[in-house]
Amino acid sequence: MEQRFPLLGDPFPKMEVQTTHGKLSLPDHFEGRWFVLFSHPADFTPVCTTEFVAFQKRYDQFKELDCDLIGMSVDQVFSHIKWVEWIKEKLDVEIKFPIVAATETTANQLGLVHPGKGTNTVRAVFIVDPKGAVRAVLYYPQELGRNMDEIVRMVKGFKLSADKGVAIPAGWPNNELIKDRVVIPPPTDEKSARKRFEEQECFDWWFCHKES
């Protein structure tokens, strides 16, 4: 049977994983909170090291969003532990989030091995909501590091969208058209469409926006 990685809106696959913080049950361990699971090709590699430092530098930002971080690669736990120690000793950065030692089964469940990019895991990102549903999936090749500020922005946008029932424009909060404002969902009937210009700021009835 062909293995399919989770798509948007799917429940994050249930799995028991070994991490640098002990054994965890995913996604149950993060129930009621957002979490970002990100995979990396290998420990003790330059690009991955820059990414882990970058994630840790934004650790408090994610915490303020009620969002946890969890890393993952197919390296064994003892390698993760030694790498984290090296980062602390050499770069003076303490990695506070757990790192999963992914098995082949785990990697296949999440679609982390792309044959065209070698046998290591690609740089994947899964953003998962408090109900355990996958809200975003990103894949990067081994040669390109991620932009962590974009991942922070995505979590902020998802939370705002859920809280306010709005859509988030391109580049928010620095959109070229409406700056830090948000998009109001389009009306569902003619009466509501006609009232839009009276109640909201609009370019047209189908494109209205408001303060976030």
N, C-alpha and C. Protein backbone atom coordinates (compact mmCIF):
# COMPACT_ATOMS: atom_id res chain seq x y z
N MET A 1 0.84 -1.19 0.00
CA MET A 1 0.00 0.00 0.00
C MET A 1 0.88 1.25 0.00
N GLU A 2 0.61 2.17 -0.91
CA GLU A 2 1.44 3.37 -1.02
C GLU A 2 1.25 4.27 0.20
N GLN A 3 2.38 4.75 0.72
CA GLN A 3 2.34 5.63 1.88
C GLN A 3 2.08 7.06 1.43
N ARG A 4 1.14 7.74 2.06
CA ARG A 4 0.83 9.12 1.70
C ARG A 4 1.10 10.02 2.89
N PHE A 5 1.84 11.08 2.65
CA PHE A 5 2.11 12.01 3.74
C PHE A 5 0.88 12.87 3.97
N PRO A 6 0.70 13.45 5.17
CA PRO A 6 -0.50 14.21 5.48
C PRO A 6 -0.63 15.48 4.63
N LEU A 7 -1.85 15.73 4.19
CA LEU A 7 -2.16 16.93 3.43
C LEU A 7 -2.83 17.96 4.33
N LEU A 8 -3.03 19.16 3.81
CA LEU A 8 -3.64 20.22 4.61
C LEU A 8 -5.01 19.80 5.10
N GLY A 9 -5.23 19.97 6.39
CA GLY A 9 -6.50 19.60 7.00
C GLY A 9 -6.53 18.18 7.54
N ASP A 10 -5.57 17.35 7.15
CA ASP A 10 -5.51 15.99 7.66
C ASP A 10 -5.05 15.99 9.12
N PRO A 11 -5.44 14.97 9.89
CA PRO A 11 -4.86 14.84 11.22
C PRO A 11 -3.38 14.47 11.12
N PHE A 12 -2.57 15.05 11.98
CA PHE A 12 -1.16 14.67 12.00
C PHE A 12 -1.07 13.20 12.39
N PRO A 13 -0.25 12.40 11.69
CA PRO A 13 -0.19 10.96 11.97
C PRO A 13 0.21 10.67 13.41
N LYS A 14 -0.45 9.71 14.01
CA LYS A 14 -0.10 9.31 15.37
C LYS A 14 1.18 8.47 15.32
N MET A 15 2.11 8.81 16.20
CA MET A 15 3.37 8.08 16.24
C MET A 15 4.02 8.19 17.61
N GLU A 16 4.73 7.14 17.97
CA GLU A 16 5.55 7.13 19.19
C GLU A 16 6.99 7.39 18.77
N VAL A 17 7.60 8.42 19.32
CA VAL A 17 8.94 8.79 18.87
C VAL A 17 9.90 8.90 20.04
N GLN A 18 11.16 8.61 19.75
CA GLN A 18 12.24 8.80 20.71
C GLN A 18 12.87 10.16 20.44
N THR A 19 13.01 10.97 21.49
CA THR A 19 13.57 12.30 21.33
C THR A 19 14.65 12.56 22.37
N THR A 20 15.30 13.68 22.22
CA THR A 20 16.31 14.09 23.20
C THR A 20 15.69 14.43 24.55
N HIS A 21 14.37 14.56 24.60
CA HIS A 21 13.66 14.80 25.87
C HIS A 21 12.89 13.55 26.32
N GLY A 22 13.22 12.40 25.76
CA GLY A 22 12.53 11.17 26.12
C GLY A 22 11.51 10.78 25.07
N LYS A 23 10.73 9.73 25.36
CA LYS A 23 9.73 9.24 24.42
C LYS A 23 8.50 10.15 24.46
N LEU A 24 7.96 10.46 23.26
CA LEU A 24 6.78 11.30 23.14
C LEU A 24 5.77 10.65 22.22
N SER A 25 4.50 10.92 22.49
CA SER A 25 3.41 10.48 21.61
C SER A 25 2.93 11.70 20.84
N LEU A 26 3.04 11.63 19.52
CA LEU A 26 2.60 12.73 18.66
C LEU A 26 1.31 12.34 17.95
N PRO A 27 0.39 13.29 17.79
CA PRO A 27 0.45 14.69 18.22
C PRO A 27 -0.08 14.91 19.64
N ASP A 28 -0.42 13.81 20.36
CA ASP A 28 -1.09 13.93 21.66
C ASP A 28 -0.30 14.76 22.67
N HIS A 29 1.03 14.68 22.60
CA HIS A 29 1.86 15.40 23.57
C HIS A 29 1.60 16.91 23.52
N PHE A 30 1.20 17.41 22.36
CA PHE A 30 0.99 18.85 22.19
C PHE A 30 -0.49 19.22 22.12
N GLU A 31 -1.35 18.34 22.59
CA GLU A 31 -2.78 18.59 22.52
C GLU A 31 -3.14 19.93 23.17
N GLY A 32 -3.94 20.72 22.47
CA GLY A 32 -4.35 22.02 22.99
C GLY A 32 -3.39 23.14 22.67
N ARG A 33 -2.28 22.82 21.98
CA ARG A 33 -1.30 23.83 21.61
C ARG A 33 -0.91 23.67 20.14
N TRP A 34 -0.47 24.74 19.54
CA TRP A 34 0.13 24.66 18.22
C TRP A 34 1.51 24.04 18.35
N PHE A 35 1.96 23.35 17.30
CA PHE A 35 3.37 22.96 17.27
C PHE A 35 3.89 22.97 15.84
N VAL A 36 5.19 23.20 15.74
CA VAL A 36 5.90 23.18 14.46
C VAL A 36 6.90 22.05 14.52
N LEU A 37 6.70 21.04 13.68
CA LEU A 37 7.68 19.96 13.57
C LEU A 37 8.49 20.21 12.30
N PHE A 38 9.81 20.21 12.44
CA PHE A 38 10.66 20.47 11.28
C PHE A 38 11.76 19.43 11.21
N SER A 39 11.99 18.90 10.04
CA SER A 39 13.03 17.90 9.85
C SER A 39 14.27 18.55 9.23
N HIS A 40 15.41 17.94 9.44
CA HIS A 40 16.65 18.41 8.84
C HIS A 40 17.42 17.22 8.31
N PRO A 41 18.25 17.42 7.28
CA PRO A 41 18.95 16.30 6.66
C PRO A 41 19.88 15.53 7.60
N ALA A 42 20.69 16.26 8.39
CA ALA A 42 21.66 15.54 9.22
C ALA A 42 22.24 16.44 10.30
N ASP A 43 22.59 15.83 11.45
CA ASP A 43 23.31 16.54 12.49
C ASP A 43 24.73 16.87 12.00
N PHE A 44 25.36 17.80 12.68
CA PHE A 44 26.75 18.17 12.39
C PHE A 44 26.94 18.57 10.92
N THR A 45 25.99 19.31 10.38
CA THR A 45 26.13 19.88 9.04
C THR A 45 25.91 21.39 9.15
N PRO A 46 26.58 22.18 8.31
CA PRO A 46 26.55 23.64 8.49
C PRO A 46 25.16 24.28 8.37
N VAL A 47 24.43 23.97 7.29
CA VAL A 47 23.14 24.63 7.09
C VAL A 47 22.17 24.25 8.21
N CYS A 48 22.15 22.98 8.58
CA CYS A 48 21.25 22.54 9.65
C CYS A 48 21.60 23.22 10.97
N THR A 49 22.89 23.41 11.21
CA THR A 49 23.30 24.09 12.44
C THR A 49 22.79 25.53 12.46
N THR A 50 22.89 26.22 11.31
CA THR A 50 22.38 27.60 11.26
C THR A 50 20.87 27.62 11.50
N GLU A 51 20.18 26.60 11.03
CA GLU A 51 18.73 26.55 11.21
C GLU A 51 18.36 26.33 12.68
N PHE A 52 19.06 25.42 13.33
CA PHE A 52 18.73 25.14 14.73
C PHE A 52 18.99 26.37 15.61
N VAL A 53 20.08 27.07 15.33
CA VAL A 53 20.35 28.31 16.06
C VAL A 53 19.24 29.32 15.79
N ALA A 54 18.82 29.43 14.53
CA ALA A 54 17.77 30.39 14.16
C ALA A 54 16.44 30.05 14.82
N PHE A 55 16.08 28.77 14.86
CA PHE A 55 14.85 28.37 15.54
C PHE A 55 14.94 28.70 17.03
N GLN A 56 16.08 28.38 17.64
CA GLN A 56 16.22 28.63 19.08
C GLN A 56 16.16 30.13 19.38
N LYS A 57 16.73 30.96 18.52
CA LYS A 57 16.70 32.41 18.72
C LYS A 57 15.25 32.94 18.71
N ARG A 58 14.35 32.19 18.09
CA ARG A 58 12.94 32.59 18.02
C ARG A 58 12.06 31.75 18.95
N TYR A 59 12.70 30.97 19.81
CA TYR A 59 11.99 30.07 20.72
C TYR A 59 10.95 30.82 21.55
N ASP A 60 11.33 31.97 22.11
CA ASP A 60 10.41 32.74 22.94
C ASP A 60 9.25 33.30 22.13
N GLN A 61 9.51 33.67 20.88
CA GLN A 61 8.42 34.15 20.02
C GLN A 61 7.38 33.07 19.82
N PHE A 62 7.84 31.84 19.56
CA PHE A 62 6.91 30.73 19.38
C PHE A 62 6.15 30.46 20.69
N LYS A 63 6.84 30.52 21.82
CA LYS A 63 6.18 30.28 23.10
C LYS A 63 5.08 31.30 23.35
N GLU A 64 5.33 32.56 22.99
CA GLU A 64 4.32 33.60 23.16
C GLU A 64 3.07 33.33 22.31
N LEU A 65 3.25 32.56 21.25
CA LEU A 65 2.13 32.18 20.39
C LEU A 65 1.50 30.86 20.81
N ASP A 66 1.89 30.35 21.98
CA ASP A 66 1.43 29.02 22.46
C ASP A 66 1.76 27.95 21.43
N CYS A 67 2.97 28.03 20.91
CA CYS A 67 3.41 27.11 19.86
C CYS A 67 4.74 26.48 20.27
N ASP A 68 4.79 25.16 20.21
CA ASP A 68 6.01 24.43 20.55
C ASP A 68 6.79 24.06 19.30
N LEU A 69 8.08 23.85 19.47
CA LEU A 69 8.97 23.41 18.40
C LEU A 69 9.43 21.99 18.65
N ILE A 70 9.60 21.22 17.58
CA ILE A 70 10.19 19.89 17.70
C ILE A 70 10.93 19.57 16.41
N GLY A 71 12.23 19.24 16.55
CA GLY A 71 13.05 18.92 15.39
C GLY A 71 13.03 17.43 15.10
N MET A 72 13.60 17.05 13.93
CA MET A 72 13.59 15.64 13.56
C MET A 72 14.61 15.37 12.45
N SER A 73 15.32 14.24 12.57
CA SER A 73 16.08 13.70 11.45
C SER A 73 16.24 12.20 11.69
N VAL A 74 16.86 11.52 10.74
CA VAL A 74 17.03 10.08 10.89
C VAL A 74 18.29 9.74 11.70
N ASP A 75 19.01 10.74 12.18
CA ASP A 75 20.15 10.47 13.06
C ASP A 75 19.65 9.86 14.38
N GLN A 76 20.50 9.10 15.03
CA GLN A 76 20.13 8.48 16.30
C GLN A 76 20.18 9.53 17.42
N VAL A 77 19.52 9.19 18.52
CA VAL A 77 19.41 10.13 19.63
C VAL A 77 20.77 10.54 20.16
N PHE A 78 21.72 9.61 20.25
CA PHE A 78 23.01 9.98 20.82
C PHE A 78 23.71 11.02 19.94
N SER A 79 23.45 10.98 18.61
CA SER A 79 24.02 11.99 17.72
C SER A 79 23.37 13.35 17.97
N HIS A 80 22.03 13.35 18.14
CA HIS A 80 21.33 14.59 18.46
C HIS A 80 21.89 15.22 19.75
N ILE A 81 22.06 14.37 20.76
CA ILE A 81 22.54 14.86 22.06
C ILE A 81 23.92 15.47 21.93
N LYS A 82 24.80 14.79 21.22
CA LYS A 82 26.17 15.29 21.05
C LYS A 82 26.17 16.59 20.25
N TRP A 83 25.33 16.68 19.23
CA TRP A 83 25.25 17.89 18.39
C TRP A 83 24.75 19.08 19.22
N VAL A 84 23.70 18.83 20.03
CA VAL A 84 23.18 19.90 20.89
C VAL A 84 24.26 20.37 21.86
N GLU A 85 25.04 19.42 22.40
CA GLU A 85 26.14 19.79 23.30
C GLU A 85 27.16 20.65 22.56
N TRP A 86 27.46 20.28 21.31
CA TRP A 86 28.44 21.03 20.50
C TRP A 86 27.94 22.45 20.26
N ILE A 87 26.67 22.60 19.92
CA ILE A 87 26.09 23.93 19.68
C ILE A 87 26.19 24.79 20.93
N LYS A 88 25.93 24.19 22.08
CA LYS A 88 26.02 24.92 23.34
C LYS A 88 27.46 25.33 23.63
N GLU A 89 28.39 24.39 23.44
CA GLU A 89 29.79 24.64 23.77
C GLU A 89 30.45 25.62 22.80
N LYS A 90 30.21 25.43 21.51
CA LYS A 90 30.92 26.22 20.50
C LYS A 90 30.21 27.51 20.12
N LEU A 91 28.90 27.51 20.16
CA LEU A 91 28.14 28.67 19.69
C LEU A 91 27.39 29.39 20.80
N ASP A 92 27.44 28.82 22.02
CA ASP A 92 26.79 29.41 23.19
C ASP A 92 25.28 29.58 22.98
N VAL A 93 24.67 28.59 22.35
CA VAL A 93 23.22 28.57 22.15
C VAL A 93 22.68 27.25 22.71
N GLU A 94 21.76 27.35 23.66
CA GLU A 94 21.17 26.15 24.26
C GLU A 94 19.89 25.79 23.53
N ILE A 95 19.86 24.63 22.90
CA ILE A 95 18.67 24.15 22.19
C ILE A 95 17.68 23.61 23.22
N LYS A 96 16.53 24.25 23.35
CA LYS A 96 15.57 23.89 24.40
C LYS A 96 14.45 22.98 23.92
N PHE A 97 14.31 22.80 22.63
CA PHE A 97 13.22 21.96 22.11
C PHE A 97 13.72 20.54 21.85
N PRO A 98 12.83 19.55 21.87
CA PRO A 98 13.24 18.17 21.62
C PRO A 98 13.55 17.91 20.16
N ILE A 99 14.37 16.89 19.92
CA ILE A 99 14.71 16.47 18.56
C ILE A 99 14.41 14.98 18.43
N VAL A 100 13.62 14.64 17.44
CA VAL A 100 13.19 13.25 17.22
C VAL A 100 14.26 12.48 16.44
N ALA A 101 14.52 11.27 16.88
CA ALA A 101 15.31 10.32 16.09
C ALA A 101 14.32 9.52 15.24
N ALA A 102 14.15 9.93 14.01
CA ALA A 102 13.11 9.34 13.16
C ALA A 102 13.51 7.96 12.66
N THR A 103 12.58 7.03 12.74
CA THR A 103 12.77 5.72 12.12
C THR A 103 12.38 5.83 10.65
N GLU A 104 12.66 4.79 9.89
CA GLU A 104 12.27 4.77 8.48
C GLU A 104 10.75 4.90 8.34
N THR A 105 10.02 4.26 9.25
CA THR A 105 8.57 4.34 9.21
C THR A 105 8.09 5.76 9.44
N THR A 106 8.67 6.42 10.46
CA THR A 106 8.30 7.80 10.76
C THR A 106 8.59 8.71 9.57
N ALA A 107 9.78 8.56 8.99
CA ALA A 107 10.16 9.39 7.85
C ALA A 107 9.20 9.19 6.68
N ASN A 108 8.80 7.95 6.44
CA ASN A 108 7.87 7.67 5.34
C ASN A 108 6.48 8.22 5.63
N GLN A 109 6.05 8.17 6.89
CA GLN A 109 4.74 8.72 7.25
C GLN A 109 4.62 10.20 6.91
N LEU A 110 5.74 10.90 7.00
CA LEU A 110 5.74 12.35 6.79
C LEU A 110 6.32 12.74 5.44
N GLY A 111 6.65 11.77 4.60
CA GLY A 111 7.17 12.07 3.27
C GLY A 111 8.49 12.80 3.30
N LEU A 112 9.38 12.42 4.22
CA LEU A 112 10.61 13.17 4.43
C LEU A 112 11.77 12.74 3.54
N VAL A 113 11.66 11.57 2.92
CA VAL A 113 12.74 11.09 2.06
C VAL A 113 12.30 11.22 0.60
N HIS A 114 12.98 12.09 -0.14
CA HIS A 114 12.70 12.31 -1.55
C HIS A 114 13.87 11.73 -2.35
N PRO A 115 13.69 10.62 -3.05
CA PRO A 115 14.79 9.92 -3.71
C PRO A 115 15.65 10.82 -4.60
N GLY A 116 15.04 11.82 -5.21
CA GLY A 116 15.80 12.72 -6.07
C GLY A 116 16.74 13.63 -5.32
N LYS A 117 16.62 13.68 -3.99
CA LYS A 117 17.47 14.54 -3.16
C LYS A 117 18.32 13.73 -2.19
N GLY A 118 18.54 12.46 -2.48
CA GLY A 118 19.41 11.65 -1.63
C GLY A 118 18.63 10.83 -0.62
N THR A 119 19.35 10.22 0.32
CA THR A 119 18.73 9.30 1.28
C THR A 119 18.44 9.96 2.63
N ASN A 120 18.96 11.17 2.85
CA ASN A 120 18.66 11.87 4.10
C ASN A 120 17.29 12.53 4.01
N THR A 121 16.76 12.95 5.14
CA THR A 121 15.48 13.65 5.14
C THR A 121 15.65 15.05 4.54
N VAL A 122 14.62 15.48 3.81
CA VAL A 122 14.62 16.85 3.30
C VAL A 122 14.25 17.79 4.46
N ARG A 123 14.29 19.10 4.18
CA ARG A 123 13.90 20.08 5.19
C ARG A 123 12.39 20.28 5.09
N ALA A 124 11.66 19.59 5.94
CA ALA A 124 10.20 19.70 5.95
C ALA A 124 9.74 20.51 7.15
N VAL A 125 8.59 21.15 7.00
CA VAL A 125 7.96 21.88 8.11
C VAL A 125 6.49 21.50 8.13
N PHE A 126 6.00 21.08 9.28
CA PHE A 126 4.57 20.83 9.49
C PHE A 126 4.09 21.75 10.60
N ILE A 127 3.12 22.60 10.29
CA ILE A 127 2.49 23.44 11.31
C ILE A 127 1.17 22.78 11.67
N VAL A 128 1.00 22.47 12.95
CA VAL A 128 -0.14 21.68 13.42
C VAL A 128 -0.91 22.47 14.47
N ASP A 129 -2.23 22.49 14.34
CA ASP A 129 -3.05 23.31 15.25
C ASP A 129 -3.38 22.56 16.54
N PRO A 130 -4.03 23.23 17.50
CA PRO A 130 -4.29 22.60 18.80
C PRO A 130 -5.17 21.36 18.75
N LYS A 131 -5.88 21.15 17.64
CA LYS A 131 -6.71 19.95 17.49
C LYS A 131 -5.97 18.83 16.77
N GLY A 132 -4.70 19.06 16.46
CA GLY A 132 -3.91 18.02 15.81
C GLY A 132 -4.04 17.99 14.31
N ALA A 133 -4.63 19.02 13.70
CA ALA A 133 -4.79 19.07 12.26
C ALA A 133 -3.61 19.78 11.60
N VAL A 134 -3.17 19.26 10.48
CA VAL A 134 -2.06 19.87 9.75
C VAL A 134 -2.57 21.12 9.03
N ARG A 135 -1.95 22.26 9.30
CA ARG A 135 -2.39 23.52 8.71
C ARG A 135 -1.47 24.01 7.60
N ALA A 136 -0.21 23.57 7.61
CA ALA A 136 0.72 23.95 6.55
C ALA A 136 1.79 22.87 6.42
N VAL A 137 2.24 22.65 5.19
CA VAL A 137 3.32 21.72 4.90
C VAL A 137 4.29 22.42 3.95
N LEU A 138 5.56 22.46 4.34
CA LEU A 138 6.59 23.07 3.51
C LEU A 138 7.72 22.08 3.32
N TYR A 139 8.24 22.00 2.09
CA TYR A 139 9.42 21.17 1.83
C TYR A 139 10.51 22.02 1.19
N TYR A 140 11.71 21.90 1.72
CA TYR A 140 12.87 22.61 1.18
C TYR A 140 13.93 21.58 0.82
N PRO A 141 14.74 21.85 -0.20
CA PRO A 141 15.83 20.94 -0.53
C PRO A 141 16.95 21.04 0.49
N GLN A 142 17.88 20.11 0.41
CA GLN A 142 18.97 20.08 1.38
C GLN A 142 19.87 21.31 1.28
N GLU A 143 19.97 21.90 0.08
CA GLU A 143 20.92 22.99 -0.11
C GLU A 143 20.39 24.37 0.27
N LEU A 144 19.12 24.45 0.66
CA LEU A 144 18.52 25.75 0.97
C LEU A 144 17.96 25.77 2.38
N GLY A 145 18.50 26.64 3.23
CA GLY A 145 17.99 26.78 4.59
C GLY A 145 16.68 27.55 4.62
N ARG A 146 15.92 27.35 5.67
CA ARG A 146 14.60 27.96 5.81
C ARG A 146 14.66 29.38 6.36
N ASN A 147 13.58 30.13 6.15
CA ASN A 147 13.41 31.46 6.74
C ASN A 147 12.48 31.32 7.93
N MET A 148 13.02 31.36 9.14
CA MET A 148 12.23 31.12 10.34
C MET A 148 11.24 32.25 10.63
N ASP A 149 11.55 33.46 10.18
CA ASP A 149 10.61 34.56 10.39
C ASP A 149 9.31 34.31 9.63
N GLU A 150 9.40 33.65 8.48
CA GLU A 150 8.20 33.31 7.73
C GLU A 150 7.36 32.28 8.49
N ILE A 151 8.02 31.34 9.15
CA ILE A 151 7.28 30.33 9.91
C ILE A 151 6.59 30.97 11.11
N VAL A 152 7.28 31.90 11.78
CA VAL A 152 6.65 32.67 12.86
C VAL A 152 5.44 33.42 12.31
N ARG A 153 5.61 34.08 11.16
CA ARG A 153 4.52 34.84 10.53
C ARG A 153 3.33 33.94 10.22
N MET A 154 3.60 32.74 9.74
CA MET A 154 2.52 31.82 9.41
C MET A 154 1.71 31.45 10.65
N VAL A 155 2.39 31.13 11.74
CA VAL A 155 1.66 30.79 12.97
C VAL A 155 0.83 31.97 13.44
N LYS A 156 1.40 33.18 13.42
CA LYS A 156 0.65 34.38 13.80
C LYS A 156 -0.58 34.54 12.91
N GLY A 157 -0.38 34.35 11.60
CA GLY A 157 -1.49 34.50 10.66
C GLY A 157 -2.59 33.48 10.89
N PHE A 158 -2.21 32.22 11.12
CA PHE A 158 -3.20 31.18 11.39
C PHE A 158 -4.02 31.51 12.63
N LYS A 159 -3.35 31.95 13.68
CA LYS A 159 -4.05 32.26 14.93
C LYS A 159 -4.99 33.45 14.74
N LEU A 160 -4.55 34.48 14.03
CA LEU A 160 -5.39 35.64 13.77
C LEU A 160 -6.58 35.27 12.92
N SER A 161 -6.35 34.46 11.90
CA SER A 161 -7.43 34.01 11.03
C SER A 161 -8.48 33.23 11.81
N ALA A 162 -8.02 32.36 12.71
CA ALA A 162 -8.94 31.55 13.50
C ALA A 162 -9.70 32.41 14.51
N ASP A 163 -9.02 33.36 15.13
CA ASP A 163 -9.65 34.19 16.17
C ASP A 163 -10.64 35.20 15.60
N LYS A 164 -10.31 35.76 14.43
CA LYS A 164 -11.10 36.87 13.88
C LYS A 164 -11.93 36.49 12.66
N GLY A 165 -11.75 35.28 12.14
CA GLY A 165 -12.51 34.88 10.96
C GLY A 165 -12.14 35.68 9.72
N VAL A 166 -10.85 35.96 9.55
CA VAL A 166 -10.38 36.77 8.42
C VAL A 166 -9.35 35.98 7.62
N ALA A 167 -8.98 36.54 6.45
CA ALA A 167 -7.90 35.98 5.64
C ALA A 167 -6.70 36.92 5.73
N ILE A 168 -5.53 36.37 5.51
CA ILE A 168 -4.29 37.11 5.68
C ILE A 168 -3.68 37.42 4.32
N PRO A 169 -3.42 38.70 4.01
CA PRO A 169 -2.90 39.05 2.69
C PRO A 169 -1.42 38.71 2.53
N ALA A 170 -0.94 38.80 1.30
CA ALA A 170 0.46 38.53 0.99
C ALA A 170 1.37 39.44 1.79
N GLY A 171 2.44 38.86 2.33
CA GLY A 171 3.44 39.64 3.02
C GLY A 171 3.00 40.27 4.32
N TRP A 172 1.80 39.95 4.80
CA TRP A 172 1.28 40.52 6.05
C TRP A 172 2.33 40.34 7.15
N PRO A 173 2.54 41.36 7.95
CA PRO A 173 1.81 42.62 8.12
C PRO A 173 2.35 43.79 7.30
N ASN A 174 3.04 43.49 6.21
CA ASN A 174 3.61 44.55 5.37
C ASN A 174 3.12 44.39 3.93
N ASN A 175 1.81 44.28 3.77
CA ASN A 175 1.26 44.10 2.43
C ASN A 175 1.32 45.41 1.64
N GLU A 176 1.59 45.30 0.35
CA GLU A 176 1.74 46.48 -0.50
C GLU A 176 0.44 47.26 -0.69
N LEU A 177 -0.71 46.61 -0.55
CA LEU A 177 -1.98 47.28 -0.75
C LEU A 177 -2.64 47.75 0.54
N ILE A 178 -2.67 46.87 1.54
CA ILE A 178 -3.44 47.19 2.75
C ILE A 178 -2.60 47.15 4.02
N LYS A 179 -1.29 47.12 3.84
CA LYS A 179 -0.33 47.16 4.97
C LYS A 179 -0.64 46.05 5.99
N ASP A 180 -0.94 46.42 7.26
CA ASP A 180 -1.13 45.40 8.29
C ASP A 180 -2.60 45.03 8.50
N ARG A 181 -3.46 45.49 7.59
CA ARG A 181 -4.88 45.16 7.69
C ARG A 181 -5.13 43.74 7.19
N VAL A 182 -6.32 43.21 7.47
CA VAL A 182 -6.65 41.84 7.07
C VAL A 182 -7.87 41.85 6.15
N VAL A 183 -8.04 40.76 5.42
CA VAL A 183 -9.09 40.65 4.41
C VAL A 183 -10.35 40.04 5.01
N ILE A 184 -11.48 40.66 4.73
CA ILE A 184 -12.77 40.15 5.19
C ILE A 184 -13.28 39.13 4.17
N PRO A 185 -13.73 37.95 4.62
CA PRO A 185 -14.23 36.96 3.68
C PRO A 185 -15.33 37.53 2.80
N PRO A 186 -15.43 37.09 1.55
CA PRO A 186 -16.44 37.63 0.63
C PRO A 186 -17.85 37.32 1.08
N PRO A 187 -18.82 38.18 0.71
CA PRO A 187 -20.22 37.94 1.10
C PRO A 187 -20.78 36.73 0.37
N THR A 188 -21.83 36.18 0.92
CA THR A 188 -22.43 34.97 0.34
C THR A 188 -23.77 35.24 -0.34
N ASP A 189 -24.24 36.50 -0.35
CA ASP A 189 -25.50 36.82 -1.03
C ASP A 189 -25.47 38.27 -1.50
N GLU A 190 -26.40 38.64 -2.38
CA GLU A 190 -26.42 39.97 -2.99
C GLU A 190 -26.64 41.08 -1.97
N LYS A 191 -27.51 40.84 -1.00
CA LYS A 191 -27.79 41.87 0.01
C LYS A 191 -26.53 42.23 0.79
N SER A 192 -25.80 41.21 1.21
CA SER A 192 -24.56 41.45 1.95
C SER A 192 -23.53 42.15 1.08
N ALA A 193 -23.50 41.81 -0.20
CA ALA A 193 -22.55 42.44 -1.12
C ALA A 193 -22.83 43.93 -1.24
N ARG A 194 -24.11 44.30 -1.33
CA ARG A 194 -24.47 45.72 -1.48
C ARG A 194 -24.14 46.51 -0.21
N LYS A 195 -24.25 45.87 0.96
CA LYS A 195 -24.00 46.56 2.22
C LYS A 195 -22.52 46.75 2.51
N ARG A 196 -21.69 46.02 1.79
CA ARG A 196 -20.26 46.07 2.08
C ARG A 196 -19.70 47.50 2.05
N PHE A 197 -20.05 48.27 1.02
CA PHE A 197 -19.48 49.61 0.88
C PHE A 197 -19.93 50.55 2.00
N GLU A 198 -21.07 50.25 2.63
CA GLU A 198 -21.56 51.08 3.72
C GLU A 198 -20.86 50.77 5.04
N GLU A 199 -20.40 49.53 5.18
CA GLU A 199 -19.91 49.07 6.48
C GLU A 199 -18.39 48.87 6.53
N GLN A 200 -17.74 48.68 5.38
CA GLN A 200 -16.34 48.33 5.37
C GLN A 200 -15.55 49.19 4.39
N GLU A 201 -14.24 49.15 4.51
CA GLU A 201 -13.37 49.76 3.51
C GLU A 201 -13.13 48.72 2.43
N CYS A 202 -13.41 49.10 1.18
CA CYS A 202 -13.37 48.12 0.10
C CYS A 202 -12.76 48.71 -1.18
N PHE A 203 -12.08 47.87 -1.94
CA PHE A 203 -11.72 48.19 -3.32
C PHE A 203 -12.91 47.86 -4.22
N ASP A 204 -13.62 46.84 -3.84
CA ASP A 204 -14.86 46.41 -4.48
C ASP A 204 -15.57 45.53 -3.47
N TRP A 205 -16.82 45.12 -3.76
CA TRP A 205 -17.57 44.36 -2.75
C TRP A 205 -16.92 43.04 -2.39
N TRP A 206 -16.10 42.50 -3.31
CA TRP A 206 -15.46 41.20 -3.05
C TRP A 206 -14.07 41.35 -2.41
N PHE A 207 -13.61 42.61 -2.26
CA PHE A 207 -12.27 42.84 -1.70
C PHE A 207 -12.35 43.94 -0.66
N CYS A 208 -12.75 43.54 0.56
CA CYS A 208 -12.86 44.47 1.68
C CYS A 208 -11.86 44.10 2.76
N HIS A 209 -11.47 45.10 3.55
CA HIS A 209 -10.44 44.86 4.55
C HIS A 209 -10.71 45.67 5.80
N LYS A 210 -10.03 45.31 6.88
CA LYS A 210 -10.24 46.01 8.15
C LYS A 210 -8.98 45.92 8.99
N GLU A 211 -8.97 46.66 10.10
CA GLU A 211 -7.85 46.61 11.03
C GLU A 211 -7.74 45.20 11.63
N SER A 212 -6.51 44.80 11.87
CA SER A 212 -6.31 43.46 12.44
C SER A 212 -6.40 43.48 13.96
